[in-house]
């Protein structure tokens, strides 16, 4: 059947074909999938034929150009959390909730000395910076999280009131004796 696309006076036209080219930022793309920021230009070339009238049998072309500008998305880190922990105990992984992308984490002392990508393990106060780098689709975003590595606090003191753990949180004394308790030590809890 004939597909009439327009009547113009005595002439009826039928659609024959459409071809199109798509570019993003001046570079050809194979299909229109708007998944990256940029300026998309679509050029459609419509081929049609006059069915009646003076132009009957003549093939004609109509070219239309469309431009679509897609901006990079605004990225956001909704939350970034690192739980503090006791020295020499298991650490929980950082938890990051972001709109787009995967974060790279760099650790710092509370004084701002960069420690790199390996989580610290010594007593102290720290912070971490999570960075999701920019790409063609969204902008870079960063977030900061403070945390600390604390010494163990078992609440045990000797007869003079001195804690039984050292500054690293480790026991100062090795406890021996019946059932693991040295009778010469008094524990106050």
C-alpha atoms as a PDB file:
ATOM      1  CA  UNK A   1       0.000   0.000   0.000  1.00  0.00           C
ATOM      2  CA  UNK A   2       0.888   3.598  -0.455  1.00  0.00           C
ATOM      3  CA  UNK A   3       1.531   5.581   2.688  1.00  0.00           C
ATOM      4  CA  UNK A   4       0.435   9.155   2.051  1.00  0.00           C
ATOM      5  CA  UNK A   5       2.415  11.572   4.201  1.00  0.00           C
ATOM      6  CA  UNK A   6       1.230  14.876   2.765  1.00  0.00           C
ATOM      7  CA  UNK A   7      -1.082  16.357   0.230  1.00  0.00           C
ATOM      8  CA  UNK A   8      -0.043  19.608  -1.383  1.00  0.00           C
ATOM      9  CA  UNK A   9      -2.590  20.815  -3.904  1.00  0.00           C
ATOM     10  CA  UNK A  10      -2.740  18.209  -6.661  1.00  0.00           C
ATOM     11  CA  UNK A  11       0.299  16.274  -5.376  1.00  0.00           C
ATOM     12  CA  UNK A  12       0.274  13.382  -2.919  1.00  0.00           C
ATOM     13  CA  UNK A  13       3.550  12.099  -1.471  1.00  0.00           C
ATOM     14  CA  UNK A  14       4.471   8.710  -0.098  1.00  0.00           C
ATOM     15  CA  UNK A  15       7.207   7.953   2.398  1.00  0.00           C
ATOM     16  CA  UNK A  16      10.066   5.864   1.055  1.00  0.00           C
ATOM     17  CA  UNK A  17      12.872   5.918   3.579  1.00  0.00           C
ATOM     18  CA  UNK A  18      14.536   7.839   6.391  1.00  0.00           C
ATOM     19  CA  UNK A  19      18.224   7.839   7.218  1.00  0.00           C
ATOM     20  CA  UNK A  20      19.877   9.709  10.005  1.00  0.00           C
ATOM     21  CA  UNK A  21      23.265  10.508  11.389  1.00  0.00           C
ATOM     22  CA  UNK A  22      24.008  11.218  15.017  1.00  0.00           C
ATOM     23  CA  UNK A  23      27.022  12.987  16.457  1.00  0.00           C
ATOM     24  CA  UNK A  24      27.984  13.809  20.031  1.00  0.00           C
ATOM     25  CA  UNK A  25      30.344  16.734  20.395  1.00  0.00           C
ATOM     26  CA  UNK A  26      31.116  16.447  16.675  1.00  0.00           C
ATOM     27  CA  UNK A  27      32.004  12.734  16.785  1.00  0.00           C
ATOM     28  CA  UNK A  28      29.771  10.096  15.151  1.00  0.00           C
ATOM     29  CA  UNK A  29      27.778   7.730  17.372  1.00  0.00           C
ATOM     30  CA  UNK A  30      26.068   4.597  16.123  1.00  0.00           C
ATOM     31  CA  UNK A  31      22.756   4.924  17.973  1.00  0.00           C
ATOM     32  CA  UNK A  32      20.870   7.530  19.901  1.00  0.00           C
ATOM     33  CA  UNK A  33      21.477   6.467  23.485  1.00  0.00           C
ATOM     34  CA  UNK A  34      21.749   9.602  25.559  1.00  0.00           C
ATOM     35  CA  UNK A  35      23.959   8.193  28.318  1.00  0.00           C
ATOM     36  CA  UNK A  36      26.708  10.795  28.295  1.00  0.00           C
ATOM     37  CA  UNK A  37      26.747  14.544  28.550  1.00  0.00           C
ATOM     38  CA  UNK A  38      27.394  16.494  25.387  1.00  0.00           C
ATOM     39  CA  UNK A  39      25.807  18.183  22.405  1.00  0.00           C
ATOM     40  CA  UNK A  40      23.969  15.663  20.251  1.00  0.00           C
ATOM     41  CA  UNK A  41      23.125  16.539  16.686  1.00  0.00           C
ATOM     42  CA  UNK A  42      20.652  14.402  14.764  1.00  0.00           C
ATOM     43  CA  UNK A  43      20.312  14.912  11.032  1.00  0.00           C
ATOM     44  CA  UNK A  44      17.359  13.061   9.505  1.00  0.00           C
ATOM     45  CA  UNK A  45      17.146  12.709   5.737  1.00  0.00           C
ATOM     46  CA  UNK A  46      13.628  11.770   4.673  1.00  0.00           C
ATOM     47  CA  UNK A  47      13.110  10.339   1.211  1.00  0.00           C
ATOM     48  CA  UNK A  48       9.660  10.546  -0.333  1.00  0.00           C
ATOM     49  CA  UNK A  49       8.101  10.304  -3.752  1.00  0.00           C
ATOM     50  CA  UNK A  50       5.377  12.299  -5.433  1.00  0.00           C
ATOM     51  CA  UNK A  51       2.501   9.925  -6.257  1.00  0.00           C
ATOM     52  CA  UNK A  52       0.218  12.284  -8.196  1.00  0.00           C
ATOM     53  CA  UNK A  53       0.398  15.660  -9.874  1.00  0.00           C
ATOM     54  CA  UNK A  54       3.106  17.221 -12.018  1.00  0.00           C
ATOM     55  CA  UNK A  55       5.883  15.763  -9.846  1.00  0.00           C
ATOM     56  CA  UNK A  56       4.536  12.177  -9.890  1.00  0.00           C
ATOM     57  CA  UNK A  57       7.347   9.645  -9.858  1.00  0.00           C
ATOM     58  CA  UNK A  58       9.970  12.135  -8.685  1.00  0.00           C
ATOM     59  CA  UNK A  59      11.933  11.276  -5.563  1.00  0.00           C
ATOM     60  CA  UNK A  60      12.548  14.147  -3.221  1.00  0.00           C
ATOM     61  CA  UNK A  61      14.490  14.588  -0.010  1.00  0.00           C
ATOM     62  CA  UNK A  62      13.833  16.652   3.062  1.00  0.00           C
ATOM     63  CA  UNK A  63      16.614  17.131   5.584  1.00  0.00           C
ATOM     64  CA  UNK A  64      15.886  18.091   9.205  1.00  0.00           C
ATOM     65  CA  UNK A  65      18.468  18.825  11.880  1.00  0.00           C
ATOM     66  CA  UNK A  66      17.880  18.595  15.628  1.00  0.00           C
ATOM     67  CA  UNK A  67      20.274  19.546  18.412  1.00  0.00           C
ATOM     68  CA  UNK A  68      19.995  18.203  21.958  1.00  0.00           C
ATOM     69  CA  UNK A  69      22.275  19.419  24.754  1.00  0.00           C
ATOM     70  CA  UNK A  70      22.723  17.057  27.702  1.00  0.00           C
ATOM     71  CA  UNK A  71      24.470  18.481  30.774  1.00  0.00           C
ATOM     72  CA  UNK A  72      26.527  16.369  33.159  1.00  0.00           C
ATOM     73  CA  UNK A  73      24.509  15.149  36.118  1.00  0.00           C
ATOM     74  CA  UNK A  74      25.071  16.623  39.559  1.00  0.00           C
ATOM     75  CA  UNK A  75      26.546  13.860  41.679  1.00  0.00           C
ATOM     76  CA  UNK A  76      26.071  13.586  45.413  1.00  0.00           C
ATOM     77  CA  UNK A  77      27.380  11.507  48.293  1.00  0.00           C
ATOM     78  CA  UNK A  78      24.365  11.013  50.544  1.00  0.00           C
ATOM     79  CA  UNK A  79      26.307   9.419  53.395  1.00  0.00           C
ATOM     80  CA  UNK A  80      29.861   8.371  54.242  1.00  0.00           C
ATOM     81  CA  UNK A  81      30.520   6.518  57.485  1.00  0.00           C
ATOM     82  CA  UNK A  82      33.486   4.797  59.086  1.00  0.00           C
ATOM     83  CA  UNK A  83      32.797   3.381  62.523  1.00  0.00           C
ATOM     84  CA  UNK A  84      35.523   3.926  65.126  1.00  0.00           C
ATOM     85  CA  UNK A  85      37.042   0.756  66.556  1.00  0.00           C
ATOM     86  CA  UNK A  86      39.271  -0.587  69.319  1.00  0.00           C
ATOM     87  CA  UNK A  87      42.912  -1.134  68.427  1.00  0.00           C
ATOM     88  CA  UNK A  88      43.711  -4.724  67.348  1.00  0.00           C
ATOM     89  CA  UNK A  89      40.048  -5.583  66.727  1.00  0.00           C
ATOM     90  CA  UNK A  90      38.189  -6.171  63.491  1.00  0.00           C
ATOM     91  CA  UNK A  91      37.444  -3.074  61.458  1.00  0.00           C
ATOM     92  CA  UNK A  92      34.224  -2.540  59.557  1.00  0.00           C
ATOM     93  CA  UNK A  93      34.395  -1.425  55.944  1.00  0.00           C
ATOM     94  CA  UNK A  94      33.540   2.191  55.115  1.00  0.00           C
ATOM     95  CA  UNK A  95      29.940   2.670  53.998  1.00  0.00           C
ATOM     96  CA  UNK A  96      29.321   5.125  51.161  1.00  0.00           C
ATOM     97  CA  UNK A  97      25.955   5.894  49.627  1.00  0.00           C
ATOM     98  CA  UNK A  98      26.247   7.982  46.449  1.00  0.00           C
ATOM     99  CA  UNK A  99      24.032   8.913  43.524  1.00  0.00           C
ATOM    100  CA  UNK A 100      26.566   7.756  40.881  1.00  0.00           C
ATOM    101  CA  UNK A 101      29.955   6.067  40.741  1.00  0.00           C
ATOM    102  CA  UNK A 102      32.433   4.327  43.001  1.00  0.00           C
ATOM    103  CA  UNK A 103      34.493   6.207  45.563  1.00  0.00           C
ATOM    104  CA  UNK A 104      38.246   6.169  46.097  1.00  0.00           C
ATOM    105  CA  UNK A 105      39.151   6.637  49.776  1.00  0.00           C
ATOM    106  CA  UNK A 106      42.316   8.296  51.105  1.00  0.00           C
ATOM    107  CA  UNK A 107      43.108   8.328  54.854  1.00  0.00           C
ATOM    108  CA  UNK A 108      44.665  11.164  56.877  1.00  0.00           C
ATOM    109  CA  UNK A 109      45.789  11.775  60.448  1.00  0.00           C
ATOM    110  CA  UNK A 110      43.736  14.358  62.328  1.00  0.00           C
ATOM    111  CA  UNK A 111      46.654  16.752  61.678  1.00  0.00           C
ATOM    112  CA  UNK A 112      46.180  16.350  57.911  1.00  0.00           C
ATOM    113  CA  UNK A 113      49.100  14.031  57.120  1.00  0.00           C
ATOM    114  CA  UNK A 114      48.110  11.827  54.171  1.00  0.00           C
ATOM    115  CA  UNK A 115      48.393   8.095  54.888  1.00  0.00           C
ATOM    116  CA  UNK A 116      47.278   6.817  51.490  1.00  0.00           C
ATOM    117  CA  UNK A 117      44.623   4.240  50.678  1.00  0.00           C
ATOM    118  CA  UNK A 118      45.417   1.761  53.471  1.00  0.00           C
ATOM    119  CA  UNK A 119      43.340   2.166  56.616  1.00  0.00           C
ATOM    120  CA  UNK A 120      45.387   3.121  59.666  1.00  0.00           C
ATOM    121  CA  UNK A 121      45.780   0.617  62.516  1.00  0.00           C
ATOM    122  CA  UNK A 122      47.431   2.637  65.286  1.00  0.00           C
ATOM    123  CA  UNK A 123      45.702   4.509  68.091  1.00  0.00           C
ATOM    124  CA  UNK A 124      44.617   7.992  67.120  1.00  0.00           C
ATOM    125  CA  UNK A 125      42.129  10.279  65.467  1.00  0.00           C
ATOM    126  CA  UNK A 126      41.778  10.187  61.712  1.00  0.00           C
ATOM    127  CA  UNK A 127      39.641  11.276  58.821  1.00  0.00           C
ATOM    128  CA  UNK A 128      39.059   9.932  55.356  1.00  0.00           C
ATOM    129  CA  UNK A 129      38.179  11.667  52.121  1.00  0.00           C
ATOM    130  CA  UNK A 130      35.942   9.762  49.681  1.00  0.00           C
ATOM    131  CA  UNK A 131      36.210  10.995  46.091  1.00  0.00           C
ATOM    132  CA  UNK A 132      34.081   9.916  43.167  1.00  0.00           C
ATOM    133  CA  UNK A 133      35.970  11.203  40.129  1.00  0.00           C
ATOM    134  CA  UNK A 134      34.204  13.046  37.333  1.00  0.00           C
ATOM    135  CA  UNK A 135      33.489  11.350  34.044  1.00  0.00           C
ATOM    136  CA  UNK A 136      31.584  12.169  30.860  1.00  0.00           C
ATOM    137  CA  UNK A 137      28.259  11.806  32.686  1.00  0.00           C
ATOM    138  CA  UNK A 138      28.704  13.472  36.094  1.00  0.00           C
ATOM    139  CA  UNK A 139      30.921  15.834  38.078  1.00  0.00           C
ATOM    140  CA  UNK A 140      33.422  14.939  40.804  1.00  0.00           C
ATOM    141  CA  UNK A 141      32.171  14.881  44.373  1.00  0.00           C
ATOM    142  CA  UNK A 142      33.959  14.425  47.718  1.00  0.00           C
ATOM    143  CA  UNK A 143      32.958  13.815  51.321  1.00  0.00           C
ATOM    144  CA  UNK A 144      34.833  13.665  54.628  1.00  0.00           C
ATOM    145  CA  UNK A 145      34.381  11.256  57.531  1.00  0.00           C
ATOM    146  CA  UNK A 146      36.103  11.493  60.934  1.00  0.00           C
ATOM    147  CA  UNK A 147      36.827   8.377  62.994  1.00  0.00           C
ATOM    148  CA  UNK A 148      39.186   7.144  65.689  1.00  0.00           C
ATOM    149  CA  UNK A 149      41.048   4.055  66.771  1.00  0.00           C
ATOM    150  CA  UNK A 150      40.676   3.765  70.524  1.00  0.00           C
ATOM    151  CA  UNK A 151      42.512   1.873  73.215  1.00  0.00           C
ATOM    152  CA  UNK A 152      40.772  -0.950  74.965  1.00  0.00           C
ATOM    153  CA  UNK A 153      39.111   0.017  78.185  1.00  0.00           C
ATOM    154  CA  UNK A 154      38.445  -3.006  80.336  1.00  0.00           C
ATOM    155  CA  UNK A 155      37.947  -1.038  83.515  1.00  0.00           C
ATOM    156  CA  UNK A 156      40.578  -3.020  85.425  1.00  0.00           C
ATOM    157  CA  UNK A 157      43.074  -1.312  87.735  1.00  0.00           C
ATOM    158  CA  UNK A 158      45.768  -2.553  90.092  1.00  0.00           C
ATOM    159  CA  UNK A 159      45.806  -1.889  93.871  1.00  0.00           C
ATOM    160  CA  UNK A 160      47.145   1.643  93.306  1.00  0.00           C
ATOM    161  CA  UNK A 161      44.414   2.520  90.764  1.00  0.00           C
ATOM    162  CA  UNK A 162      46.658   2.182  87.693  1.00  0.00           C
ATOM    163  CA  UNK A 163      45.002   0.835  84.568  1.00  0.00           C
ATOM    164  CA  UNK A 164      46.060  -2.623  83.539  1.00  0.00           C
ATOM    165  CA  UNK A 165      46.290  -1.683  79.857  1.00  0.00           C
ATOM    166  CA  UNK A 166      49.054   0.341  78.229  1.00  0.00           C
ATOM    167  CA  UNK A 167      48.703   3.325  75.879  1.00  0.00           C
ATOM    168  CA  UNK A 168      48.168   0.980  72.921  1.00  0.00           C
ATOM    169  CA  UNK A 169      45.230  -0.681  74.657  1.00  0.00           C
ATOM    170  CA  UNK A 170      47.076  -3.938  75.250  1.00  0.00           C
ATOM    171  CA  UNK A 171      47.259  -5.548  78.725  1.00  0.00           C
ATOM    172  CA  UNK A 172      50.268  -4.368  80.756  1.00  0.00           C
ATOM    173  CA  UNK A 173      50.594  -7.631  82.631  1.00  0.00           C
ATOM    174  CA  UNK A 174      50.315 -11.258  81.802  1.00  0.00           C
ATOM    175  CA  UNK A 175      47.777 -12.773  84.136  1.00  0.00           C
ATOM    176  CA  UNK A 176      48.506 -16.311  85.277  1.00  0.00           C
ATOM    177  CA  UNK A 177      47.371 -18.585  88.037  1.00  0.00           C
ATOM    178  CA  UNK A 178      44.380 -20.721  88.771  1.00  0.00           C
ATOM    179  CA  UNK A 179      41.595 -20.113  86.253  1.00  0.00           C
ATOM    180  CA  UNK A 180      43.761 -17.426  84.620  1.00  0.00           C
ATOM    181  CA  UNK A 181      43.639 -15.045  87.615  1.00  0.00           C
ATOM    182  CA  UNK A 182      46.752 -13.961  89.529  1.00  0.00           C
ATOM    183  CA  UNK A 183      45.648 -13.754  93.177  1.00  0.00           C
ATOM    184  CA  UNK A 184      48.082 -10.862  93.810  1.00  0.00           C
ATOM    185  CA  UNK A 185      46.046  -8.549  91.548  1.00  0.00           C
ATOM    186  CA  UNK A 186      42.791  -6.963  92.582  1.00  0.00           C
ATOM    187  CA  UNK A 187      40.399  -6.057  89.772  1.00  0.00           C
ATOM    188  CA  UNK A 188      37.902  -3.232  90.215  1.00  0.00           C
ATOM    189  CA  UNK A 189      35.173  -3.146  87.611  1.00  0.00           C
END
